[in-house]
Protein backbone atom coordinates (compact mmCIF):
# COMPACT_ATOMS: atom_id res chain seq x y z
CA UNK A 1 145.47 133.04 10.29
CA UNK A 2 145.71 136.59 8.58
CA UNK A 3 148.49 138.13 10.79
CA UNK A 4 147.14 141.86 10.59
CA UNK A 5 143.79 139.90 11.80
CA UNK A 6 145.61 138.55 14.44
CA UNK A 7 147.19 141.53 15.66
CA UNK A 8 144.06 143.21 15.88
CA UNK A 9 142.25 140.48 18.04
CA UNK A 10 145.20 140.50 20.65
CA UNK A 11 145.21 144.68 20.65
CA UNK A 12 141.11 144.04 21.21
CA UNK A 13 141.45 141.24 23.68
CA UNK A 14 144.50 141.74 25.82
CA UNK A 15 145.92 145.58 24.68
CA UNK A 16 148.60 143.53 23.49
CA UNK A 17 151.12 143.23 20.18
CA UNK A 18 154.52 142.50 18.92
CA UNK A 19 156.43 145.55 16.78
CA UNK A 20 158.20 144.03 14.09
CA UNK A 21 159.79 148.19 13.37
CA UNK A 22 163.15 149.36 13.80
CA UNK A 23 165.99 147.10 14.26
CA UNK A 24 164.40 145.12 16.89
CA UNK A 25 161.43 142.76 17.56
CA UNK A 26 159.52 144.65 21.03
CA UNK A 27 156.50 143.37 22.80
CA UNK A 28 153.71 146.39 23.76
CA UNK A 29 151.75 145.35 27.17
CA UNK A 30 149.14 147.80 28.47
CA UNK A 31 148.06 147.94 31.76
CA UNK A 32 144.80 150.23 31.47
CA UNK A 33 141.73 150.32 33.84
CA UNK A 34 141.45 148.06 36.94
CA UNK A 35 143.77 145.13 37.81
CA UNK A 36 141.68 142.37 37.71
CA UNK A 37 142.55 139.18 40.14
CA UNK A 38 140.87 136.26 41.48
CA UNK A 39 137.39 137.77 41.28
CA UNK A 40 135.82 139.51 38.28
CA UNK A 41 135.13 143.17 38.28
CA UNK A 42 131.72 144.18 37.14
CA UNK A 43 131.35 144.25 33.48
CA UNK A 44 131.19 147.90 32.18
CA UNK A 45 134.41 148.01 34.26
CA UNK A 46 137.48 148.81 32.10
CA UNK A 47 140.44 145.91 33.65
CA UNK A 48 143.65 144.29 32.69
CA UNK A 49 143.02 140.53 33.53
CA UNK A 50 146.10 139.07 34.92
CA UNK A 51 145.32 135.35 33.76
CA UNK A 52 145.59 136.90 30.28
CA UNK A 53 148.85 138.56 30.94
CA UNK A 54 150.78 136.31 32.81
CA UNK A 55 150.97 133.69 29.56
CA UNK A 56 152.11 136.75 27.55
CA UNK A 57 154.74 137.27 29.79
CA UNK A 58 156.08 133.98 29.88
CA UNK A 59 155.70 134.12 26.39
CA UNK A 60 157.80 136.75 25.84
CA UNK A 61 160.78 135.50 28.23
CA UNK A 62 160.57 132.18 26.18
CA UNK A 63 160.64 133.86 22.74
CA UNK A 64 163.90 133.64 20.46
CA UNK A 65 161.89 136.64 18.33
CA UNK A 66 161.28 138.94 20.85
CA UNK A 67 164.37 141.10 22.10
CA UNK A 68 162.46 143.85 24.82
CA UNK A 69 158.99 144.25 26.21
CA UNK A 70 157.71 148.18 26.74
CA UNK A 71 154.68 148.21 29.30
CA UNK A 72 152.50 150.89 28.86
CA UNK A 73 150.43 152.00 32.46
CA UNK A 74 147.55 153.86 33.01
CA UNK A 75 145.65 151.88 36.13
CA UNK A 76 143.34 152.97 39.18
CA UNK A 77 144.81 149.97 40.87
CA UNK A 78 142.93 146.70 41.68
CA UNK A 79 143.91 143.19 43.22
CA UNK A 80 146.89 143.85 45.09
CA UNK A 81 147.85 139.86 44.93
CA UNK A 82 147.62 140.05 41.02
CA UNK A 83 149.32 143.19 40.68
CA UNK A 84 152.24 141.96 42.84
CA UNK A 85 152.63 138.98 40.63
CA UNK A 86 152.48 140.73 37.43
CA UNK A 87 155.39 142.95 39.06
CA UNK A 88 157.09 139.91 39.83
CA UNK A 89 156.68 138.32 36.50
CA UNK A 90 157.91 141.62 34.62
CA UNK A 91 160.54 142.03 36.79
CA UNK A 92 161.72 138.67 36.54
CA UNK A 93 162.22 138.70 32.67
CA UNK A 94 165.71 138.67 31.11
CA UNK A 95 164.75 140.89 28.02
CA UNK A 96 165.48 144.59 28.42
CA UNK A 97 161.93 146.03 29.78
CA UNK A 98 161.24 149.42 29.80
CA UNK A 99 157.85 150.84 31.46
CA UNK A 100 155.84 154.14 30.66
CA UNK A 101 153.24 155.43 33.45
CA UNK A 102 150.87 157.92 30.44
CA UNK A 103 148.19 158.46 32.65
CA UNK A 104 147.52 156.98 36.08
CA UNK A 105 149.58 154.55 38.47
CA UNK A 106 148.10 154.37 41.49
CA UNK A 107 148.25 152.01 44.11
CA UNK A 108 149.50 148.23 43.04
CA UNK A 109 150.19 150.23 39.73
CA UNK A 110 153.52 151.70 41.46
CA UNK A 111 155.50 148.55 41.94
CA UNK A 112 154.55 147.78 38.18
CA UNK A 113 155.62 150.71 36.62
CA UNK A 114 159.24 150.20 39.07
CA UNK A 115 158.93 146.29 37.87
CA UNK A 116 160.95 147.45 34.51
CA UNK A 117 164.76 147.84 34.02
CA UNK A 118 164.06 151.28 33.34
CA UNK A 119 161.02 153.71 33.83
CA UNK A 120 159.36 156.51 32.62
CA UNK A 121 156.71 158.86 33.36
CA UNK A 122 154.83 161.92 31.27
CA UNK A 123 154.49 165.05 32.89
CA UNK A 124 151.14 164.89 33.44
CA UNK A 125 151.11 161.44 34.79
CA UNK A 126 150.18 160.72 38.46
CA UNK A 127 151.16 158.27 40.83
CA UNK A 128 149.59 157.54 44.37
CA UNK A 129 151.19 155.56 47.27
CA UNK A 130 148.66 154.99 50.00
CA UNK A 131 148.21 151.76 52.72
CA UNK A 132 146.45 148.70 51.92
CA UNK A 133 142.92 149.27 52.13
CA UNK A 134 140.62 147.36 54.10
CA UNK A 135 136.75 146.38 52.52
CA UNK A 136 133.75 144.87 53.95
CA UNK A 137 134.80 141.52 52.88
CA UNK A 138 137.60 141.47 55.37
CA UNK A 139 137.07 140.80 59.16
CA UNK A 140 138.48 143.44 61.76
CA UNK A 141 140.52 141.34 63.53
CA UNK A 142 144.36 141.91 65.27
CA UNK A 143 145.19 139.12 62.68
CA UNK A 144 143.66 141.37 59.86
CA UNK A 145 145.78 144.37 60.97
CA UNK A 146 149.25 141.65 60.68
CA UNK A 147 147.95 140.86 57.66
CA UNK A 148 147.54 144.04 55.62
CA UNK A 149 150.91 145.20 57.41
CA UNK A 150 152.81 142.15 55.96
CA UNK A 151 150.86 142.86 52.54
CA UNK A 152 152.08 146.28 52.65
CA UNK A 153 155.69 145.38 53.51
CA UNK A 154 155.78 143.01 50.45
CA UNK A 155 154.43 145.90 48.69
CA UNK A 156 157.26 148.52 49.96
CA UNK A 157 159.67 146.30 49.50
CA UNK A 158 159.55 145.56 45.95
CA UNK A 159 159.15 149.22 45.22
CA UNK A 160 162.47 149.61 47.05
CA UNK A 161 164.33 146.72 45.09
CA UNK A 162 163.47 148.01 41.98
CA UNK A 163 163.60 152.04 42.12
CA UNK A 164 165.67 154.35 44.00
CA UNK A 165 163.24 155.23 47.05
CA UNK A 166 163.93 154.29 50.30
CA UNK A 167 161.42 151.78 52.38
CA UNK A 168 161.28 154.70 54.96
CA UNK A 169 160.60 157.13 52.66
CA UNK A 170 157.79 155.22 51.09
CA UNK A 171 156.22 154.39 54.66
CA UNK A 172 156.08 158.56 54.99
CA UNK A 173 154.49 158.96 51.96
CA UNK A 174 151.83 155.87 52.58
CA UNK A 175 151.09 156.91 56.10
CA UNK A 176 151.05 161.28 54.81
CA UNK A 177 147.57 162.85 56.26
CA UNK A 178 148.24 166.17 54.83
CA UNK A 179 147.46 165.65 51.16
CA UNK A 180 144.31 163.34 50.59
CA UNK A 181 141.43 164.46 52.43
CA UNK A 182 139.67 161.40 52.90
CA UNK A 183 142.34 159.22 52.72
CA UNK A 184 146.33 158.40 53.93
CA UNK A 185 148.97 158.49 51.20
CA UNK A 186 150.88 160.25 48.75
CA UNK A 187 150.08 162.00 45.18
CA UNK A 188 153.33 162.46 42.71
CA UNK A 189 153.16 164.07 39.54
CA UNK A 190 155.50 163.89 36.62
CA UNK A 191 158.88 165.29 37.82
CA UNK A 192 157.89 164.55 41.44
CA UNK A 193 158.22 160.75 41.06
CA UNK A 194 161.39 161.56 39.47
CA UNK A 195 162.86 162.99 42.31
CA UNK A 196 161.28 160.74 44.74
CA UNK A 197 163.45 157.92 43.23
CA UNK A 198 160.43 156.03 42.07
CA UNK A 199 160.96 156.50 38.52
CA UNK A 200 164.22 157.13 36.25
CA UNK A 201 163.31 159.65 33.99
CA UNK A 202 160.18 162.17 32.80
CA UNK A 203 159.49 161.32 28.71
CA UNK A 204 157.37 159.87 26.71
CA UNK A 205 156.71 157.05 24.09
CA UNK A 206 159.52 158.19 21.51
CA UNK A 207 162.11 158.53 24.32
CA UNK A 208 160.90 155.20 26.07
CA UNK A 209 161.23 153.66 22.60
CA UNK A 210 164.75 154.87 22.22
CA UNK A 211 165.92 153.66 25.33
CA UNK A 212 164.61 150.05 24.85
CA UNK A 213 166.52 150.07 21.68
CA UNK A 214 169.52 151.26 23.49
CA UNK A 215 169.27 148.72 25.77
CA UNK A 216 168.68 145.75 23.12
CA UNK A 217 171.64 147.24 21.19
CA UNK A 218 173.78 147.28 24.29
CA UNK A 219 173.02 143.69 25.25
CA UNK A 220 173.90 142.24 21.35
CA UNK A 221 176.70 144.10 21.84
CA UNK A 222 177.93 142.89 25.08
């Protein structure tokens, strides 16, 4: 198959491609729109399908040619279970990984943004931390509250492990009542996400590539 055509189709279908430029082969993954999980989103929605991304991440880990992973993020969140599975998968990759929040990294997008070895956010990028929401599909029983509390602890535990933010501070931001007029939670813009310890650095695509190549070189010289 024509390599150029194959790359174009991969980008169109999954928002992924492998870059051969520079001195290292880097796999590019974009997480955009809604993270689709066990149920299909409306056909008009822009989604990232986790059943497509998981095999690609496994291929990145198994490949002798791919030396690093760059994750571009602009997501409003989505399926909690699917998003956390993707974050765990990225967090377990043995090769250097870097994330870049280009627009939004809301809800379950937060664990995805911090799952890499190093993370960036553009100055206008936003992150929203809020409690797990209940939908009309969930029965409002005491057991439901316990389940949601467990899910929130899983999410906060992952974020704490993969960033410099404490679980106590994350809980404070999650339950903040003074920022979102019709909801609980906290919005962080650009540098605020760095100051809270969620993201490592404010920067764009050039800085993200620079850092990833630096990490790859350091691994080769170790």
